[in-house]
Amino acid sequence: MEITLVFEPVDAAPEGADVEAARSVARWLREDPDLRGIEVRPGTADPREGRMGEVLEVLNVVLTNGIALGSLLTAVATWRGTRRGGTRVRIERSGTSVLIEGGSADEVRRILAELEPPAGGAGQP
């Protein structure tokens, strides 16, 4: 299962905040004992509509199972909770995109429900 984490600078963010956030999350994920065995690869995405040539910073995360998805969401939400502004984190999977706005357990459950593969679809990308 491949998950894409997109880091989007907010309006008042210093230049490079998205790059720094992506690097920070990559380190955070690699050090999380609950996420041993995941693959984290850096990447970039084309600018979103309305942006002036900016390239968004991206991490591609390959997970082995749905349990790892829950651990990933918890880790990213926890990381996000340690930060103040600067960058938004959007999680994408198979055409579904969800913005992480906080770090509460309720939010993690909501995002997990939106991103989990449908029943019987464990083999889907």
PDB file of N, CA and C in Angstrom:
ATOM      1  N   MET A   1       0.857  -1.166   0.000  1.00  0.00           N
ATOM      2  CA  MET A   1       0.000   0.000   0.000  1.00  0.00           C
ATOM      3  C   MET A   1       0.903   1.228   0.000  1.00  0.00           C
ATOM      4  N   GLU A   2       0.681   2.123  -0.954  1.00  0.00           N
ATOM      5  CA  GLU A   2       1.487   3.344  -1.021  1.00  0.00           C
ATOM      6  C   GLU A   2       0.667   4.551  -0.584  1.00  0.00           C
ATOM      7  N   ILE A   3       1.266   5.334   0.286  1.00  0.00           N
ATOM      8  CA  ILE A   3       0.658   6.549   0.808  1.00  0.00           C
ATOM      9  C   ILE A   3       1.561   7.703   0.405  1.00  0.00           C
ATOM     10  N   THR A   4       0.973   8.817   0.023  1.00  0.00           N
ATOM     11  CA  THR A   4       1.741  10.010  -0.303  1.00  0.00           C
ATOM     12  C   THR A   4       1.445  11.073   0.737  1.00  0.00           C
ATOM     13  N   LEU A   5       2.497  11.628   1.313  1.00  0.00           N
ATOM     14  CA  LEU A   5       2.373  12.746   2.242  1.00  0.00           C
ATOM     15  C   LEU A   5       2.818  13.994   1.496  1.00  0.00           C
ATOM     16  N   VAL A   6       1.935  14.982   1.408  1.00  0.00           N
ATOM     17  CA  VAL A   6       2.241  16.220   0.703  1.00  0.00           C
ATOM     18  C   VAL A   6       2.330  17.334   1.731  1.00  0.00           C
ATOM     19  N   PHE A   7       3.424  18.082   1.692  1.00  0.00           N
ATOM     20  CA  PHE A   7       3.672  19.173   2.636  1.00  0.00           C
ATOM     21  C   PHE A   7       3.454  20.485   1.904  1.00  0.00           C
ATOM     22  N   GLU A   8       2.483  21.244   2.380  1.00  0.00           N
ATOM     23  CA  GLU A   8       2.113  22.500   1.725  1.00  0.00           C
ATOM     24  C   GLU A   8       2.381  23.662   2.671  1.00  0.00           C
ATOM     25  N   PRO A   9       3.214  24.622   2.254  1.00  0.00           N
ATOM     26  CA  PRO A   9       3.461  25.765   3.125  1.00  0.00           C
ATOM     27  C   PRO A   9       2.200  26.608   3.268  1.00  0.00           C
ATOM     28  N   VAL A  10       1.956  27.115   4.472  1.00  0.00           N
ATOM     29  CA  VAL A  10       0.852  28.048   4.668  1.00  0.00           C
ATOM     30  C   VAL A  10       1.335  29.431   4.260  1.00  0.00           C
ATOM     31  N   ASP A  11       0.418  30.370   4.128  1.00  0.00           N
ATOM     32  CA  ASP A  11       0.728  31.686   3.582  1.00  0.00           C
ATOM     33  C   ASP A  11       1.916  32.381   4.246  1.00  0.00           C
ATOM     34  N   ALA A  12       2.023  32.350   5.548  1.00  0.00           N
ATOM     35  CA  ALA A  12       3.075  33.088   6.252  1.00  0.00           C
ATOM     36  C   ALA A  12       4.319  32.237   6.515  1.00  0.00           C
ATOM     37  N   ALA A  13       4.396  31.062   5.931  1.00  0.00           N
ATOM     38  CA  ALA A  13       5.525  30.161   6.192  1.00  0.00           C
ATOM     39  C   ALA A  13       6.791  30.692   5.535  1.00  0.00           C
ATOM     40  N   PRO A  14       7.927  30.511   6.211  1.00  0.00           N
ATOM     41  CA  PRO A  14       9.187  30.910   5.592  1.00  0.00           C
ATOM     42  C   PRO A  14       9.495  30.027   4.384  1.00  0.00           C
ATOM     43  N   GLU A  15      10.267  30.542   3.459  1.00  0.00           N
ATOM     44  CA  GLU A  15      10.630  29.772   2.281  1.00  0.00           C
ATOM     45  C   GLU A  15      11.339  28.491   2.708  1.00  0.00           C
ATOM     46  N   GLY A  16      10.962  27.383   2.111  1.00  0.00           N
ATOM     47  CA  GLY A  16      11.579  26.102   2.427  1.00  0.00           C
ATOM     48  C   GLY A  16      10.941  25.369   3.596  1.00  0.00           C
ATOM     49  N   ALA A  17       9.855  25.920   4.154  1.00  0.00           N
ATOM     50  CA  ALA A  17       9.205  25.263   5.299  1.00  0.00           C
ATOM     51  C   ALA A  17       8.694  23.876   4.918  1.00  0.00           C
ATOM     52  N   ASP A  18       8.216  23.715   3.687  1.00  0.00           N
ATOM     53  CA  ASP A  18       7.711  22.422   3.251  1.00  0.00           C
ATOM     54  C   ASP A  18       8.835  21.396   3.119  1.00  0.00           C
ATOM     55  N   VAL A  19       9.993  21.831   2.638  1.00  0.00           N
ATOM     56  CA  VAL A  19      11.145  20.936   2.502  1.00  0.00           C
ATOM     57  C   VAL A  19      11.623  20.495   3.887  1.00  0.00           C
ATOM     58  N   GLU A  20      11.740  21.442   4.805  1.00  0.00           N
ATOM     59  CA  GLU A  20      12.180  21.124   6.168  1.00  0.00           C
ATOM     60  C   GLU A  20      11.184  20.188   6.835  1.00  0.00           C
ATOM     61  N   ALA A  21       9.885  20.422   6.640  1.00  0.00           N
ATOM     62  CA  ALA A  21       8.855  19.570   7.236  1.00  0.00           C
ATOM     63  C   ALA A  21       8.952  18.148   6.697  1.00  0.00           C
ATOM     64  N   ALA A  22       9.137  18.000   5.395  1.00  0.00           N
ATOM     65  CA  ALA A  22       9.244  16.665   4.799  1.00  0.00           C
ATOM     66  C   ALA A  22      10.458  15.923   5.357  1.00  0.00           C
ATOM     67  N   ARG A  23      11.577  16.612   5.477  1.00  0.00           N
ATOM     68  CA  ARG A  23      12.783  15.975   6.031  1.00  0.00           C
ATOM     69  C   ARG A  23      12.557  15.566   7.484  1.00  0.00           C
ATOM     70  N   SER A  24      11.909  16.449   8.240  1.00  0.00           N
ATOM     71  CA  SER A  24      11.643  16.173   9.652  1.00  0.00           C
ATOM     72  C   SER A  24      10.731  14.958   9.813  1.00  0.00           C
ATOM     73  N   VAL A  25       9.671  14.888   9.016  1.00  0.00           N
ATOM     74  CA  VAL A  25       8.748  13.751   9.099  1.00  0.00           C
ATOM     75  C   VAL A  25       9.445  12.462   8.664  1.00  0.00           C
ATOM     76  N   ALA A  26      10.260  12.526   7.629  1.00  0.00           N
ATOM     77  CA  ALA A  26      10.979  11.334   7.185  1.00  0.00           C
ATOM     78  C   ALA A  26      11.845  10.783   8.321  1.00  0.00           C
ATOM     79  N   ARG A  27      12.579  11.665   9.002  1.00  0.00           N
ATOM     80  CA  ARG A  27      13.388  11.221  10.156  1.00  0.00           C
ATOM     81  C   ARG A  27      12.490  10.641  11.242  1.00  0.00           C
ATOM     82  N   TRP A  28      11.378  11.329  11.532  1.00  0.00           N
ATOM     83  CA  TRP A  28      10.437  10.910  12.582  1.00  0.00           C
ATOM     84  C   TRP A  28       9.921   9.501  12.295  1.00  0.00           C
ATOM     85  N   LEU A  29       9.528   9.261  11.044  1.00  0.00           N
ATOM     86  CA  LEU A  29       8.971   7.964  10.664  1.00  0.00           C
ATOM     87  C   LEU A  29      10.026   6.859  10.726  1.00  0.00           C
ATOM     88  N   ARG A  30      11.236   7.167  10.275  1.00  0.00           N
ATOM     89  CA  ARG A  30      12.301   6.158  10.285  1.00  0.00           C
ATOM     90  C   ARG A  30      12.710   5.772  11.701  1.00  0.00           C
ATOM     91  N   GLU A  31      12.505   6.662  12.665  1.00  0.00           N
ATOM     92  CA  GLU A  31      12.882   6.387  14.056  1.00  0.00           C
ATOM     93  C   GLU A  31      11.737   5.781  14.871  1.00  0.00           C
ATOM     94  N   ASP A  32      10.540   5.732  14.312  1.00  0.00           N
ATOM     95  CA  ASP A  32       9.385   5.205  15.044  1.00  0.00           C
ATOM     96  C   ASP A  32       9.435   3.672  15.069  1.00  0.00           C
ATOM     97  N   PRO A  33       9.534   3.077  16.260  1.00  0.00           N
ATOM     98  CA  PRO A  33       9.635   1.611  16.336  1.00  0.00           C
ATOM     99  C   PRO A  33       8.391   0.888  15.807  1.00  0.00           C
ATOM    100  N   ASP A  34       7.231   1.548  15.802  1.00  0.00           N
ATOM    101  CA  ASP A  34       6.011   0.919  15.291  1.00  0.00           C
ATOM    102  C   ASP A  34       5.986   0.871  13.769  1.00  0.00           C
ATOM    103  N   LEU A  35       6.919   1.565  13.133  1.00  0.00           N
ATOM    104  CA  LEU A  35       6.924   1.631  11.668  1.00  0.00           C
ATOM    105  C   LEU A  35       8.157   0.962  11.058  1.00  0.00           C
ATOM    106  N   ARG A  36       8.780   0.071  11.798  1.00  0.00           N
ATOM    107  CA  ARG A  36       9.925  -0.654  11.249  1.00  0.00           C
ATOM    108  C   ARG A  36       9.506  -1.369   9.975  1.00  0.00           C
ATOM    109  N   GLY A  37      10.353  -1.294   8.975  1.00  0.00           N
ATOM    110  CA  GLY A  37      10.082  -2.012   7.738  1.00  0.00           C
ATOM    111  C   GLY A  37       9.345  -1.206   6.681  1.00  0.00           C
ATOM    112  N   ILE A  38       8.901   0.021   7.016  1.00  0.00           N
ATOM    113  CA  ILE A  38       8.264   0.817   5.976  1.00  0.00           C
ATOM    114  C   ILE A  38       9.339   1.433   5.093  1.00  0.00           C
ATOM    115  N   GLU A  39       8.951   1.813   3.898  1.00  0.00           N
ATOM    116  CA  GLU A  39       9.863   2.477   2.979  1.00  0.00           C
ATOM    117  C   GLU A  39       9.410   3.933   2.836  1.00  0.00           C
ATOM    118  N   VAL A  40      10.334   4.864   3.024  1.00  0.00           N
ATOM    119  CA  VAL A  40      10.041   6.294   2.901  1.00  0.00           C
ATOM    120  C   VAL A  40      10.946   6.856   1.816  1.00  0.00           C
ATOM    121  N   ARG A  41      10.336   7.395   0.746  1.00  0.00           N
ATOM    122  CA  ARG A  41      11.103   7.959  -0.366  1.00  0.00           C
ATOM    123  C   ARG A  41      10.706   9.416  -0.576  1.00  0.00           C
ATOM    124  N   PRO A  42      11.677  10.306  -0.753  1.00  0.00           N
ATOM    125  CA  PRO A  42      11.351  11.707  -1.042  1.00  0.00           C
ATOM    126  C   PRO A  42      10.862  11.845  -2.474  1.00  0.00           C
ATOM    127  N   GLY A  43      10.123  12.918  -2.726  1.00  0.00           N
ATOM    128  CA  GLY A  43       9.646  13.211  -4.063  1.00  0.00           C
ATOM    129  C   GLY A  43       9.167  14.642  -4.146  1.00  0.00           C
ATOM    130  N   THR A  44       8.685  15.028  -5.300  1.00  0.00           N
ATOM    131  CA  THR A  44       8.100  16.354  -5.487  1.00  0.00           C
ATOM    132  C   THR A  44       6.825  16.203  -6.302  1.00  0.00           C
ATOM    133  N   ALA A  45       5.974  17.180  -6.193  1.00  0.00           N
ATOM    134  CA  ALA A  45       4.720  17.174  -6.949  1.00  0.00           C
ATOM    135  C   ALA A  45       4.604  18.493  -7.695  1.00  0.00           C
ATOM    136  N   ASP A  46       3.839  18.486  -8.739  1.00  0.00           N
ATOM    137  CA  ASP A  46       3.590  19.721  -9.481  1.00  0.00           C
ATOM    138  C   ASP A  46       2.844  20.708  -8.599  1.00  0.00           C
ATOM    139  N   PRO A  47       2.998  21.992  -8.894  1.00  0.00           N
ATOM    140  CA  PRO A  47       2.299  22.991  -8.086  1.00  0.00           C
ATOM    141  C   PRO A  47       0.787  22.832  -8.195  1.00  0.00           C
ATOM    142  N   ARG A  48       0.096  23.182  -7.138  1.00  0.00           N
ATOM    143  CA  ARG A  48      -1.360  23.179  -7.133  1.00  0.00           C
ATOM    144  C   ARG A  48      -1.860  24.403  -7.893  1.00  0.00           C
ATOM    145  N   GLU A  49      -3.070  24.304  -8.372  1.00  0.00           N
ATOM    146  CA  GLU A  49      -3.693  25.430  -9.061  1.00  0.00           C
ATOM    147  C   GLU A  49      -3.662  26.662  -8.152  1.00  0.00           C
ATOM    148  N   GLY A  50      -3.311  27.797  -8.735  1.00  0.00           N
ATOM    149  CA  GLY A  50      -3.269  29.031  -7.966  1.00  0.00           C
ATOM    150  C   GLY A  50      -1.905  29.319  -7.362  1.00  0.00           C
ATOM    151  N   ARG A  51      -0.957  28.405  -7.519  1.00  0.00           N
ATOM    152  CA  ARG A  51       0.396  28.615  -6.991  1.00  0.00           C
ATOM    153  C   ARG A  51       1.292  29.070  -8.137  1.00  0.00           C
ATOM    154  N   MET A  52       2.231  29.918  -7.838  1.00  0.00           N
ATOM    155  CA  MET A  52       3.122  30.491  -8.849  1.00  0.00           C
ATOM    156  C   MET A  52       4.392  29.655  -8.999  1.00  0.00           C
ATOM    157  N   GLY A  53       4.300  28.518  -9.629  1.00  0.00           N
ATOM    158  CA  GLY A  53       5.471  27.735  -9.934  1.00  0.00           C
ATOM    159  C   GLY A  53       6.090  27.004  -8.752  1.00  0.00           C
ATOM    160  N   GLU A  54       5.470  27.044  -7.609  1.00  0.00           N
ATOM    161  CA  GLU A  54       5.988  26.347  -6.444  1.00  0.00           C
ATOM    162  C   GLU A  54       5.887  24.846  -6.650  1.00  0.00           C
ATOM    163  N   VAL A  55       6.861  24.125  -6.170  1.00  0.00           N
ATOM    164  CA  VAL A  55       6.800  22.666  -6.186  1.00  0.00           C
ATOM    165  C   VAL A  55       6.556  22.208  -4.755  1.00  0.00           C
ATOM    166  N   LEU A  56       5.577  21.380  -4.582  1.00  0.00           N
ATOM    167  CA  LEU A  56       5.252  20.875  -3.251  1.00  0.00           C
ATOM    168  C   LEU A  56       6.193  19.740  -2.883  1.00  0.00           C
ATOM    169  N   GLU A  57       6.551  19.688  -1.630  1.00  0.00           N
ATOM    170  CA  GLU A  57       7.414  18.620  -1.149  1.00  0.00           C
ATOM    171  C   GLU A  57       6.555  17.405  -0.814  1.00  0.00           C
ATOM    172  N   VAL A  58       7.056  16.218  -1.154  1.00  0.00           N
ATOM    173  CA  VAL A  58       6.279  14.988  -1.035  1.00  0.00           C
ATOM    174  C   VAL A  58       7.146  13.882  -0.446  1.00  0.00           C
ATOM    175  N   LEU A  59       6.519  13.024   0.373  1.00  0.00           N
ATOM    176  CA  LEU A  59       7.129  11.767   0.790  1.00  0.00           C
ATOM    177  C   LEU A  59       6.215  10.653   0.318  1.00  0.00           C
ATOM    178  N   ASN A  60       6.788   9.633  -0.297  1.00  0.00           N
ATOM    179  CA  ASN A  60       6.043   8.438  -0.672  1.00  0.00           C
ATOM    180  C   ASN A  60       6.374   7.369   0.358  1.00  0.00           C
ATOM    181  N   VAL A  61       5.355   6.815   0.985  1.00  0.00           N
ATOM    182  CA  VAL A  61       5.544   5.831   2.050  1.00  0.00           C
ATOM    183  C   VAL A  61       4.891   4.530   1.611  1.00  0.00           C
ATOM    184  N   VAL A  62       5.667   3.461   1.629  1.00  0.00           N
ATOM    185  CA  VAL A  62       5.145   2.146   1.267  1.00  0.00           C
ATOM    186  C   VAL A  62       4.945   1.351   2.549  1.00  0.00           C
ATOM    187  N   LEU A  63       3.703   0.910   2.764  1.00  0.00           N
ATOM    188  CA  LEU A  63       3.322   0.164   3.961  1.00  0.00           C
ATOM    189  C   LEU A  63       3.019  -1.279   3.586  1.00  0.00           C
ATOM    190  N   THR A  64       3.194  -2.167   4.546  1.00  0.00           N
ATOM    191  CA  THR A  64       2.941  -3.577   4.264  1.00  0.00           C
ATOM    192  C   THR A  64       1.519  -4.005   4.589  1.00  0.00           C
ATOM    193  N   ASN A  65       0.813  -3.221   5.437  1.00  0.00           N
ATOM    194  CA  ASN A  65      -0.534  -3.640   5.823  1.00  0.00           C
ATOM    195  C   ASN A  65      -1.332  -2.459   6.397  1.00  0.00           C
ATOM    196  N   GLY A  66      -2.614  -2.702   6.648  1.00  0.00           N
ATOM    197  CA  GLY A  66      -3.498  -1.676   7.183  1.00  0.00           C
ATOM    198  C   GLY A  66      -3.150  -1.257   8.602  1.00  0.00           C
ATOM    199  N   ILE A  67      -2.571  -2.149   9.378  1.00  0.00           N
ATOM    200  CA  ILE A  67      -2.166  -1.791  10.739  1.00  0.00           C
ATOM    201  C   ILE A  67      -1.078  -0.729  10.676  1.00  0.00           C
ATOM    202  N   ALA A  68      -0.167  -0.872   9.721  1.00  0.00           N
ATOM    203  CA  ALA A  68       0.892   0.116   9.545  1.00  0.00           C
ATOM    204  C   ALA A  68       0.303   1.474   9.151  1.00  0.00           C
ATOM    205  N   LEU A  69      -0.820   1.481   8.435  1.00  0.00           N
ATOM    206  CA  LEU A  69      -1.473   2.739   8.082  1.00  0.00           C
ATOM    207  C   LEU A  69      -1.902   3.484   9.341  1.00  0.00           C
ATOM    208  N   GLY A  70      -2.486   2.784  10.291  1.00  0.00           N
ATOM    209  CA  GLY A  70      -2.879   3.409  11.546  1.00  0.00           C
ATOM    210  C   GLY A  70      -1.681   3.963  12.295  1.00  0.00           C
ATOM    211  N   SER A  71      -0.576   3.207  12.304  1.00  0.00           N
ATOM    212  CA  SER A  71       0.645   3.671  12.962  1.00  0.00           C
ATOM    213  C   SER A  71       1.220   4.889  12.251  1.00  0.00           C
ATOM    214  N   LEU A  72       1.170   4.883  10.915  1.00  0.00           N
ATOM    215  CA  LEU A  72       1.654   6.031  10.139  1.00  0.00           C
ATOM    216  C   LEU A  72       0.838   7.277  10.473  1.00  0.00           C
ATOM    217  N   LEU A  73      -0.489   7.145  10.463  1.00  0.00           N
ATOM    218  CA  LEU A  73      -1.350   8.296  10.755  1.00  0.00           C
ATOM    219  C   LEU A  73      -1.104   8.828  12.162  1.00  0.00           C
ATOM    220  N   THR A  74      -0.946   7.927  13.116  1.00  0.00           N
ATOM    221  CA  THR A  74      -0.676   8.345  14.490  1.00  0.00           C
ATOM    222  C   THR A  74       0.659   9.075  14.563  1.00  0.00           C
ATOM    223  N   ALA A  75       1.688   8.550  13.893  1.00  0.00           N
ATOM    224  CA  ALA A  75       3.012   9.177  13.910  1.00  0.00           C
ATOM    225  C   ALA A  75       2.979  10.570  13.277  1.00  0.00           C
ATOM    226  N   VAL A  76       2.304  10.699  12.127  1.00  0.00           N
ATOM    227  CA  VAL A  76       2.236  12.000  11.460  1.00  0.00           C
ATOM    228  C   VAL A  76       1.420  12.987  12.291  1.00  0.00           C
ATOM    229  N   ALA A  77       0.315  12.529  12.859  1.00  0.00           N
ATOM    230  CA  ALA A  77      -0.508  13.410  13.699  1.00  0.00           C
ATOM    231  C   ALA A  77       0.266  13.859  14.934  1.00  0.00           C
ATOM    232  N   THR A  78       1.038  12.948  15.516  1.00  0.00           N
ATOM    233  CA  THR A  78       1.855  13.298  16.679  1.00  0.00           C
ATOM    234  C   THR A  78       2.918  14.309  16.282  1.00  0.00           C
ATOM    235  N   TRP A  79       3.598  14.073  15.155  1.00  0.00           N
ATOM    236  CA  TRP A  79       4.591  15.024  14.654  1.00  0.00           C
ATOM    237  C   TRP A  79       3.944  16.384  14.442  1.00  0.00           C
ATOM    238  N   ARG A  80       2.778  16.368  13.794  1.00  0.00           N
ATOM    239  CA  ARG A  80       2.063  17.619  13.496  1.00  0.00           C
ATOM    240  C   ARG A  80       1.724  18.362  14.784  1.00  0.00           C
ATOM    241  N   GLY A  81       1.383  17.614  15.838  1.00  0.00           N
ATOM    242  CA  GLY A  81       1.055  18.224  17.114  1.00  0.00           C
ATOM    243  C   GLY A  81       2.238  18.888  17.790  1.00  0.00           C
ATOM    244  N   THR A  82       3.463  18.529  17.385  1.00  0.00           N
ATOM    245  CA  THR A  82       4.655  19.150  17.961  1.00  0.00           C
ATOM    246  C   THR A  82       5.037  20.430  17.234  1.00  0.00           C
ATOM    247  N   ARG A  83       4.353  20.743  16.130  1.00  0.00           N
ATOM    248  CA  ARG A  83       4.678  21.903  15.291  1.00  0.00           C
ATOM    249  C   ARG A  83       3.639  22.989  15.448  1.00  0.00           C
ATOM    250  N   ARG A  84       4.053  24.183  15.206  1.00  0.00           N
ATOM    251  CA  ARG A  84       3.137  25.318  15.199  1.00  0.00           C
ATOM    252  C   ARG A  84       3.163  25.963  13.821  1.00  0.00           C
ATOM    253  N   GLY A  85       2.103  25.774  13.058  1.00  0.00           N
ATOM    254  CA  GLY A  85       1.974  26.425  11.755  1.00  0.00           C
ATOM    255  C   GLY A  85       3.075  26.050  10.776  1.00  0.00           C
ATOM    256  N   GLY A  86       3.203  26.843   9.754  1.00  0.00           N
ATOM    257  CA  GLY A  86       4.248  26.658   8.766  1.00  0.00           C
ATOM    258  C   GLY A  86       3.885  25.749   7.616  1.00  0.00           C
ATOM    259  N   THR A  87       3.343  24.580   7.929  1.00  0.00           N
ATOM    260  CA  THR A  87       3.088  23.592   6.881  1.00  0.00           C
ATOM    261  C   THR A  87       1.838  22.781   7.188  1.00  0.00           C
ATOM    262  N   ARG A  88       1.069  22.531   6.129  1.00  0.00           N
ATOM    263  CA  ARG A  88      -0.054  21.605   6.230  1.00  0.00           C
ATOM    264  C   ARG A  88       0.424  20.257   5.695  1.00  0.00           C
ATOM    265  N   VAL A  89      -0.152  19.185   6.209  1.00  0.00           N
ATOM    266  CA  VAL A  89       0.187  17.843   5.721  1.00  0.00           C
ATOM    267  C   VAL A  89      -1.083  17.223   5.158  1.00  0.00           C
ATOM    268  N   ARG A  90      -1.000  16.820   3.890  1.00  0.00           N
ATOM    269  CA  ARG A  90      -2.107  16.155   3.230  1.00  0.00           C
ATOM    270  C   ARG A  90      -1.678  14.724   2.939  1.00  0.00           C
ATOM    271  N   ILE A  91      -2.557  13.777   3.225  1.00  0.00           N
ATOM    272  CA  ILE A  91      -2.279  12.362   2.996  1.00  0.00           C
ATOM    273  C   ILE A  91      -3.145  11.899   1.835  1.00  0.00           C
ATOM    274  N   GLU A  92      -2.509  11.228   0.865  1.00  0.00           N
ATOM    275  CA  GLU A  92      -3.234  10.749  -0.315  1.00  0.00           C
ATOM    276  C   GLU A  92      -3.032   9.250  -0.476  1.00  0.00           C
ATOM    277  N   ARG A  93      -4.120   8.596  -0.871  1.00  0.00           N
ATOM    278  CA  ARG A  93      -4.066   7.163  -1.173  1.00  0.00           C
ATOM    279  C   ARG A  93      -5.135   6.844  -2.205  1.00  0.00           C
ATOM    280  N   SER A  94      -4.740   6.283  -3.307  1.00  0.00           N
ATOM    281  CA  SER A  94      -5.670   5.822  -4.345  1.00  0.00           C
ATOM    282  C   SER A  94      -6.742   6.853  -4.682  1.00  0.00           C
ATOM    283  N   GLY A  95      -6.342   8.089  -4.887  1.00  0.00           N
ATOM    284  CA  GLY A  95      -7.288   9.131  -5.284  1.00  0.00           C
ATOM    285  C   GLY A  95      -8.013   9.815  -4.142  1.00  0.00           C
ATOM    286  N   THR A  96      -7.830   9.353  -2.915  1.00  0.00           N
ATOM    287  CA  THR A  96      -8.441   9.999  -1.751  1.00  0.00           C
ATOM    288  C   THR A  96      -7.401  10.884  -1.094  1.00  0.00           C
ATOM    289  N   SER A  97      -7.783  12.104  -0.774  1.00  0.00           N
ATOM    290  CA  SER A  97      -6.876  13.064  -0.168  1.00  0.00           C
ATOM    291  C   SER A  97      -7.501  13.621   1.105  1.00  0.00           C
ATOM    292  N   VAL A  98      -6.741  13.583   2.218  1.00  0.00           N
ATOM    293  CA  VAL A  98      -7.247  14.036   3.509  1.00  0.00           C
ATOM    294  C   VAL A  98      -6.199  14.936   4.148  1.00  0.00           C
ATOM    295  N   LEU A  99      -6.625  16.079   4.644  1.00  0.00           N
ATOM    296  CA  LEU A  99      -5.733  17.023   5.309  1.00  0.00           C
ATOM    297  C   LEU A  99      -5.685  16.716   6.800  1.00  0.00           C
ATOM    298  N   ILE A 100      -4.469  16.617   7.361  1.00  0.00           N
ATOM    299  CA  ILE A 100      -4.323  16.454   8.813  1.00  0.00           C
ATOM    300  C   ILE A 100      -4.313  17.849   9.415  1.00  0.00           C
ATOM    301  N   GLU A 101      -5.275  18.113  10.275  1.00  0.00           N
ATOM    302  CA  GLU A 101      -5.394  19.437  10.862  1.00  0.00           C
ATOM    303  C   GLU A 101      -4.980  19.474  12.318  1.00  0.00           C
ATOM    304  N   GLY A 102      -4.974  18.349  12.983  1.00  0.00           N
ATOM    305  CA  GLY A 102      -4.604  18.304  14.394  1.00  0.00           C
ATOM    306  C   GLY A 102      -3.924  16.995  14.682  1.00  0.00           C
ATOM    307  N   GLY A 103      -4.107  16.483  15.862  1.00  0.00           N
ATOM    308  CA  GLY A 103      -3.463  15.237  16.198  1.00  0.00           C
ATOM    309  C   GLY A 103      -4.278  14.378  17.143  1.00  0.00           C
ATOM    310  N   SER A 104      -5.567  14.671  17.245  1.00  0.00           N
ATOM    311  CA  SER A 104      -6.392  13.927  18.195  1.00  0.00           C
ATOM    312  C   SER A 104      -6.640  12.494  17.714  1.00  0.00           C
ATOM    313  N   ALA A 105      -6.952  11.638  18.664  1.00  0.00           N
ATOM    314  CA  ALA A 105      -7.273  10.244  18.342  1.00  0.00           C
ATOM    315  C   ALA A 105      -8.514  10.169  17.441  1.00  0.00           C
ATOM    316  N   ASP A 106      -9.494  11.048  17.672  1.00  0.00           N
ATOM    317  CA  ASP A 106     -10.694  11.067  16.827  1.00  0.00           C
ATOM    318  C   ASP A 106     -10.343  11.407  15.385  1.00  0.00           C
ATOM    319  N   GLU A 107      -9.434  12.354  15.199  1.00  0.00           N
ATOM    320  CA  GLU A 107      -9.043  12.721  13.845  1.00  0.00           C
ATOM    321  C   GLU A 107      -8.301  11.573  13.166  1.00  0.00           C
ATOM    322  N   VAL A 108      -7.430  10.902  13.883  1.00  0.00           N
ATOM    323  CA  VAL A 108      -6.711   9.763  13.320  1.00  0.00           C
ATOM    324  C   VAL A 108      -7.704   8.678  12.891  1.00  0.00           C
ATOM    325  N   ARG A 109      -8.709   8.394  13.724  1.00  0.00           N
ATOM    326  CA  ARG A 109      -9.729   7.389  13.364  1.00  0.00           C
ATOM    327  C   ARG A 109     -10.511   7.817  12.116  1.00  0.00           C
ATOM    328  N   ARG A 110     -10.856   9.095  12.038  1.00  0.00           N
ATOM    329  CA  ARG A 110     -11.598   9.609  10.878  1.00  0.00           C
ATOM    330  C   ARG A 110     -10.772   9.451   9.599  1.00  0.00           C
ATOM    331  N   ILE A 111      -9.512   9.829   9.654  1.00  0.00           N
ATOM    332  CA  ILE A 111      -8.648   9.742   8.473  1.00  0.00           C
ATOM    333  C   ILE A 111      -8.418   8.283   8.092  1.00  0.00           C
ATOM    334  N   LEU A 112      -8.209   7.434   9.074  1.00  0.00           N
ATOM    335  CA  LEU A 112      -8.016   6.006   8.812  1.00  0.00           C
ATOM    336  C   LEU A 112      -9.228   5.429   8.091  1.00  0.00           C
ATOM    337  N   ALA A 113     -10.427   5.791   8.533  1.00  0.00           N
ATOM    338  CA  ALA A 113     -11.654   5.304   7.895  1.00  0.00           C
ATOM    339  C   ALA A 113     -11.738   5.768   6.442  1.00  0.00           C
ATOM    340  N   GLU A 114     -11.268   6.983   6.165  1.00  0.00           N
ATOM    341  CA  GLU A 114     -11.316   7.501   4.793  1.00  0.00           C
ATOM    342  C   GLU A 114     -10.277   6.855   3.885  1.00  0.00           C
ATOM    343  N   LEU A 115      -9.131   6.459   4.457  1.00  0.00           N
ATOM    344  CA  LEU A 115      -8.037   5.945   3.639  1.00  0.00           C
ATOM    345  C   LEU A 115      -7.941   4.427   3.576  1.00  0.00           C
ATOM    346  N   GLU A 116      -8.597   3.726   4.488  1.00  0.00           N
ATOM    347  CA  GLU A 116      -8.499   2.258   4.498  1.00  0.00           C
ATOM    348  C   GLU A 116      -9.058   1.682   3.201  1.00  0.00           C
ATOM    349  N   PRO A 117      -8.412   0.612   2.728  1.00  0.00           N
ATOM    350  CA  PRO A 117      -8.950  -0.036   1.538  1.00  0.00           C
ATOM    351  C   PRO A 117     -10.305  -0.659   1.844  1.00  0.00           C
ATOM    352  N   PRO A 118     -11.179  -0.757   0.848  1.00  0.00           N
ATOM    353  CA  PRO A 118     -12.477  -1.390   1.075  1.00  0.00           C
ATOM    354  C   PRO A 118     -12.305  -2.858   1.474  1.00  0.00           C
ATOM    355  N   ALA A 119     -13.278  -3.392   2.167  1.00  0.00           N
ATOM    356  CA  ALA A 119     -13.232  -4.799   2.587  1.00  0.00           C
ATOM    357  C   ALA A 119     -12.993  -5.675   1.380  1.00  0.00           C
ATOM    358  N   GLY A 120     -12.058  -6.595   1.516  1.00  0.00           N
ATOM    359  CA  GLY A 120     -11.742  -7.500   0.425  1.00  0.00           C
ATOM    360  C   GLY A 120     -10.791  -6.901  -0.592  1.00  0.00           C
ATOM    361  N   GLY A 121     -10.368  -5.633  -0.370  1.00  0.00           N
ATOM    362  CA  GLY A 121      -9.504  -4.961  -1.336  1.00  0.00           C
ATOM    363  C   GLY A 121      -8.084  -4.804  -0.857  1.00  0.00           C
ATOM    364  N   ALA A 122      -7.630  -5.692   0.032  1.00  0.00           N
ATOM    365  CA  ALA A 122      -6.292  -5.564   0.625  1.00  0.00           C
ATOM    366  C   ALA A 122      -5.191  -5.589  -0.424  1.00  0.00           C
ATOM    367  N   GLY A 123      -5.434  -6.200  -1.554  1.00  0.00           N
ATOM    368  CA  GLY A 123      -4.394  -6.289  -2.578  1.00  0.00           C
ATOM    369  C   GLY A 123      -4.345  -5.092  -3.505  1.00  0.00           C
ATOM    370  N   GLN A 124      -5.243  -4.130  -3.323  1.00  0.00           N
ATOM    371  CA  GLN A 124      -5.257  -2.962  -4.188  1.00  0.00           C
ATOM    372  C   GLN A 124      -4.130  -2.035  -3.815  1.00  0.00           C
ATOM    373  N   PRO A 125      -3.659  -1.180  -4.779  1.00  0.00           N
ATOM    374  CA  PRO A 125      -2.566  -0.249  -4.487  1.00  0.00           C
ATOM    375  C   PRO A 125      -2.959   0.773  -3.454  1.00  0.00           C
TER     376      PRO A 125
END
